[in-house]
Amino acid sequence: MIGYLVAGMAVWGFAGWLVDRWLDSGGIATGIGLVLGAFGGVFIVVRRMTQ
């Protein structure tokens, strides 16, 4: 379960970092990516626990 959370944050955080490098936005997209990855990881864990 922790793997889903860590993997989600890693993948979406990396995607946000790439967007930051592309747009030179100063880390905002990385933060958004980390939050979205954490939300997605929690969502997947909760969904698997309720099935």
PDB file of N, CA and C in Angstrom:
ATOM      1  N   MET A   1       0.821  -1.198   0.000  1.00  0.00           N
ATOM      2  CA  MET A   1       0.000   0.000   0.000  1.00  0.00           C
ATOM      3  C   MET A   1       0.868   1.267   0.000  1.00  0.00           C
ATOM      4  N   ILE A   2       1.941   1.220   0.756  1.00  0.00           N
ATOM      5  CA  ILE A   2       2.832   2.381   0.785  1.00  0.00           C
ATOM      6  C   ILE A   2       3.464   2.563  -0.587  1.00  0.00           C
ATOM      7  N   GLY A   3       3.658   1.462  -1.294  1.00  0.00           N
ATOM      8  CA  GLY A   3       4.249   1.534  -2.620  1.00  0.00           C
ATOM      9  C   GLY A   3       3.416   2.349  -3.588  1.00  0.00           C
ATOM     10  N   TYR A   4       2.089   2.221  -3.499  1.00  0.00           N
ATOM     11  CA  TYR A   4       1.210   3.012  -4.360  1.00  0.00           C
ATOM     12  C   TYR A   4       1.375   4.504  -4.086  1.00  0.00           C
ATOM     13  N   LEU A   5       1.456   4.842  -2.826  1.00  0.00           N
ATOM     14  CA  LEU A   5       1.595   6.246  -2.446  1.00  0.00           C
ATOM     15  C   LEU A   5       2.946   6.801  -2.905  1.00  0.00           C
ATOM     16  N   VAL A   6       4.007   6.048  -2.648  1.00  0.00           N
ATOM     17  CA  VAL A   6       5.340   6.504  -3.033  1.00  0.00           C
ATOM     18  C   VAL A   6       5.478   6.570  -4.555  1.00  0.00           C
ATOM     19  N   ALA A   7       4.981   5.539  -5.235  1.00  0.00           N
ATOM     20  CA  ALA A   7       5.080   5.511  -6.697  1.00  0.00           C
ATOM     21  C   ALA A   7       4.277   6.650  -7.322  1.00  0.00           C
ATOM     22  N   GLY A   8       3.087   6.902  -6.805  1.00  0.00           N
ATOM     23  CA  GLY A   8       2.274   7.997  -7.332  1.00  0.00           C
ATOM     24  C   GLY A   8       2.965   9.331  -7.169  1.00  0.00           C
ATOM     25  N   MET A   9       3.532   9.557  -5.990  1.00  0.00           N
ATOM     26  CA  MET A   9       4.231  10.816  -5.747  1.00  0.00           C
ATOM     27  C   MET A   9       5.484  10.920  -6.614  1.00  0.00           C
ATOM     28  N   ALA A  10       6.182   9.801  -6.807  1.00  0.00           N
ATOM     29  CA  ALA A  10       7.401   9.833  -7.618  1.00  0.00           C
ATOM     30  C   ALA A  10       7.090  10.120  -9.081  1.00  0.00           C
ATOM     31  N   VAL A  11       6.099   9.434  -9.616  1.00  0.00           N
ATOM     32  CA  VAL A  11       5.769   9.602 -11.040  1.00  0.00           C
ATOM     33  C   VAL A  11       5.215  10.996 -11.316  1.00  0.00           C
ATOM     34  N   TRP A  12       4.237  11.415 -10.532  1.00  0.00           N
ATOM     35  CA  TRP A  12       3.619  12.716 -10.780  1.00  0.00           C
ATOM     36  C   TRP A  12       4.530  13.861 -10.360  1.00  0.00           C
ATOM     37  N   GLY A  13       5.348  13.639  -9.337  1.00  0.00           N
ATOM     38  CA  GLY A  13       6.330  14.652  -8.967  1.00  0.00           C
ATOM     39  C   GLY A  13       7.370  14.840 -10.061  1.00  0.00           C
ATOM     40  N   PHE A  14       7.805  13.733 -10.667  1.00  0.00           N
ATOM     41  CA  PHE A  14       8.750  13.814 -11.770  1.00  0.00           C
ATOM     42  C   PHE A  14       8.119  14.517 -12.976  1.00  0.00           C
ATOM     43  N   ALA A  15       6.864  14.197 -13.257  1.00  0.00           N
ATOM     44  CA  ALA A  15       6.168  14.862 -14.364  1.00  0.00           C
ATOM     45  C   ALA A  15       6.062  16.366 -14.091  1.00  0.00           C
ATOM     46  N   GLY A  16       5.761  16.731 -12.854  1.00  0.00           N
ATOM     47  CA  GLY A  16       5.711  18.145 -12.488  1.00  0.00           C
ATOM     48  C   GLY A  16       7.070  18.811 -12.608  1.00  0.00           C
ATOM     49  N   TRP A  17       8.120  18.095 -12.239  1.00  0.00           N
ATOM     50  CA  TRP A  17       9.474  18.631 -12.373  1.00  0.00           C
ATOM     51  C   TRP A  17       9.809  18.892 -13.837  1.00  0.00           C
ATOM     52  N   LEU A  18       9.405  17.967 -14.715  1.00  0.00           N
ATOM     53  CA  LEU A  18       9.641  18.173 -16.147  1.00  0.00           C
ATOM     54  C   LEU A  18       8.901  19.410 -16.654  1.00  0.00           C
ATOM     55  N   VAL A  19       7.658  19.582 -16.208  1.00  0.00           N
ATOM     56  CA  VAL A  19       6.891  20.766 -16.602  1.00  0.00           C
ATOM     57  C   VAL A  19       7.565  22.027 -16.068  1.00  0.00           C
ATOM     58  N   ASP A  20       8.071  21.966 -14.828  1.00  0.00           N
ATOM     59  CA  ASP A  20       8.797  23.115 -14.268  1.00  0.00           C
ATOM     60  C   ASP A  20      10.019  23.472 -15.103  1.00  0.00           C
ATOM     61  N   ARG A  21      10.757  22.479 -15.515  1.00  0.00           N
ATOM     62  CA  ARG A  21      11.941  22.750 -16.337  1.00  0.00           C
ATOM     63  C   ARG A  21      11.549  23.333 -17.684  1.00  0.00           C
ATOM     64  N   TRP A  22      10.433  22.849 -18.230  1.00  0.00           N
ATOM     65  CA  TRP A  22       9.969  23.307 -19.539  1.00  0.00           C
ATOM     66  C   TRP A  22       9.458  24.744 -19.471  1.00  0.00           C
ATOM     67  N   LEU A  23       8.656  25.053 -18.436  1.00  0.00           N
ATOM     68  CA  LEU A  23       8.038  26.374 -18.316  1.00  0.00           C
ATOM     69  C   LEU A  23       8.811  27.327 -17.405  1.00  0.00           C
ATOM     70  N   ASP A  24       9.816  26.826 -16.715  1.00  0.00           N
ATOM     71  CA  ASP A  24      10.589  27.613 -15.761  1.00  0.00           C
ATOM     72  C   ASP A  24       9.667  28.302 -14.751  1.00  0.00           C
ATOM     73  N   SER A  25       8.824  27.482 -14.097  1.00  0.00           N
ATOM     74  CA  SER A  25       7.811  28.029 -13.196  1.00  0.00           C
ATOM     75  C   SER A  25       8.226  28.014 -11.725  1.00  0.00           C
ATOM     76  N   GLY A  26       9.436  27.659 -11.418  1.00  0.00           N
ATOM     77  CA  GLY A  26       9.938  27.804 -10.058  1.00  0.00           C
ATOM     78  C   GLY A  26       9.466  26.781  -9.050  1.00  0.00           C
ATOM     79  N   GLY A  27       9.092  25.609  -9.458  1.00  0.00           N
ATOM     80  CA  GLY A  27       8.718  24.551  -8.520  1.00  0.00           C
ATOM     81  C   GLY A  27       7.240  24.390  -8.275  1.00  0.00           C
ATOM     82  N   ILE A  28       6.412  25.211  -8.841  1.00  0.00           N
ATOM     83  CA  ILE A  28       4.967  25.128  -8.604  1.00  0.00           C
ATOM     84  C   ILE A  28       4.397  23.834  -9.174  1.00  0.00           C
ATOM     85  N   ALA A  29       4.792  23.482 -10.382  1.00  0.00           N
ATOM     86  CA  ALA A  29       4.266  22.267 -11.008  1.00  0.00           C
ATOM     87  C   ALA A  29       4.744  21.018 -10.269  1.00  0.00           C
ATOM     88  N   THR A  30       5.946  21.057  -9.713  1.00  0.00           N
ATOM     89  CA  THR A  30       6.434  19.915  -8.936  1.00  0.00           C
ATOM     90  C   THR A  30       5.571  19.712  -7.700  1.00  0.00           C
ATOM     91  N   GLY A  31       5.249  20.783  -7.015  1.00  0.00           N
ATOM     92  CA  GLY A  31       4.369  20.688  -5.847  1.00  0.00           C
ATOM     93  C   GLY A  31       2.996  20.176  -6.203  1.00  0.00           C
ATOM     94  N   ILE A  32       2.458  20.675  -7.287  1.00  0.00           N
ATOM     95  CA  ILE A  32       1.138  20.205  -7.731  1.00  0.00           C
ATOM     96  C   ILE A  32       1.206  18.725  -8.090  1.00  0.00           C
ATOM     97  N   GLY A  33       2.283  18.316  -8.777  1.00  0.00           N
ATOM     98  CA  GLY A  33       2.451  16.913  -9.133  1.00  0.00           C
ATOM     99  C   GLY A  33       2.552  16.011  -7.916  1.00  0.00           C
ATOM    100  N   LEU A  34       3.274  16.458  -6.897  1.00  0.00           N
ATOM    101  CA  LEU A  34       3.389  15.668  -5.668  1.00  0.00           C
ATOM    102  C   LEU A  34       2.049  15.519  -4.964  1.00  0.00           C
ATOM    103  N   VAL A  35       1.284  16.599  -4.914  1.00  0.00           N
ATOM    104  CA  VAL A  35      -0.035  16.544  -4.275  1.00  0.00           C
ATOM    105  C   VAL A  35      -0.969  15.633  -5.055  1.00  0.00           C
ATOM    106  N   LEU A  36      -0.974  15.759  -6.383  1.00  0.00           N
ATOM    107  CA  LEU A  36      -1.817  14.886  -7.197  1.00  0.00           C
ATOM    108  C   LEU A  36      -1.400  13.427  -7.067  1.00  0.00           C
ATOM    109  N   GLY A  37      -0.092  13.164  -7.021  1.00  0.00           N
ATOM    110  CA  GLY A  37       0.391  11.797  -6.845  1.00  0.00           C
ATOM    111  C   GLY A  37      -0.014  11.215  -5.500  1.00  0.00           C
ATOM    112  N   ALA A  38       0.065  12.017  -4.450  1.00  0.00           N
ATOM    113  CA  ALA A  38      -0.353  11.551  -3.127  1.00  0.00           C
ATOM    114  C   ALA A  38      -1.846  11.270  -3.106  1.00  0.00           C
ATOM    115  N   PHE A  39      -2.624  12.174  -3.693  1.00  0.00           N
ATOM    116  CA  PHE A  39      -4.068  11.960  -3.754  1.00  0.00           C
ATOM    117  C   PHE A  39      -4.398  10.697  -4.530  1.00  0.00           C
ATOM    118  N   GLY A  40      -3.735  10.519  -5.668  1.00  0.00           N
ATOM    119  CA  GLY A  40      -3.980   9.324  -6.479  1.00  0.00           C
ATOM    120  C   GLY A  40      -3.594   8.047  -5.750  1.00  0.00           C
ATOM    121  N   GLY A  41      -2.472   8.062  -5.041  1.00  0.00           N
ATOM    122  CA  GLY A  41      -2.057   6.892  -4.275  1.00  0.00           C
ATOM    123  C   GLY A  41      -3.040   6.546  -3.173  1.00  0.00           C
ATOM    124  N   VAL A  42      -3.505   7.553  -2.444  1.00  0.00           N
ATOM    125  CA  VAL A  42      -4.498   7.316  -1.395  1.00  0.00           C
ATOM    126  C   VAL A  42      -5.799   6.806  -2.001  1.00  0.00           C
ATOM    127  N   PHE A  43      -6.200   7.364  -3.131  1.00  0.00           N
ATOM    128  CA  PHE A  43      -7.417   6.928  -3.803  1.00  0.00           C
ATOM    129  C   PHE A  43      -7.335   5.455  -4.185  1.00  0.00           C
ATOM    130  N   ILE A  44      -6.203   5.040  -4.751  1.00  0.00           N
ATOM    131  CA  ILE A  44      -6.042   3.644  -5.156  1.00  0.00           C
ATOM    132  C   ILE A  44      -6.057   2.719  -3.941  1.00  0.00           C
ATOM    133  N   VAL A  45      -5.389   3.113  -2.864  1.00  0.00           N
ATOM    134  CA  VAL A  45      -5.353   2.295  -1.660  1.00  0.00           C
ATOM    135  C   VAL A  45      -6.751   2.158  -1.072  1.00  0.00           C
ATOM    136  N   VAL A  46      -7.483   3.246  -0.976  1.00  0.00           N
ATOM    137  CA  VAL A  46      -8.836   3.193  -0.417  1.00  0.00           C
ATOM    138  C   VAL A  46      -9.731   2.344  -1.305  1.00  0.00           C
ATOM    139  N   ARG A  47      -9.592   2.484  -2.591  1.00  0.00           N
ATOM    140  CA  ARG A  47     -10.422   1.706  -3.521  1.00  0.00           C
ATOM    141  C   ARG A  47     -10.132   0.221  -3.413  1.00  0.00           C
ATOM    142  N   ARG A  48      -8.886  -0.152  -3.253  1.00  0.00           N
ATOM    143  CA  ARG A  48      -8.533  -1.576  -3.106  1.00  0.00           C
ATOM    144  C   ARG A  48      -8.984  -2.115  -1.757  1.00  0.00           C
ATOM    145  N   MET A  49      -8.965  -1.300  -0.726  1.00  0.00           N
ATOM    146  CA  MET A  49      -9.381  -1.755   0.604  1.00  0.00           C
ATOM    147  C   MET A  49     -10.887  -1.976   0.693  1.00  0.00           C
ATOM    148  N   THR A  50     -11.656  -1.247  -0.094  1.00  0.00           N
ATOM    149  CA  THR A  50     -13.107  -1.367  -0.009  1.00  0.00           C
ATOM    150  C   THR A  50     -13.674  -2.436  -0.929  1.00  0.00           C
ATOM    151  N   GLN A  51     -12.851  -3.004  -1.799  1.00  0.00           N
ATOM    152  CA  GLN A  51     -13.368  -4.037  -2.705  1.00  0.00           C
ATOM    153  C   GLN A  51     -13.245  -5.394  -2.113  1.00  0.00           C
TER     154      GLN A  51
END
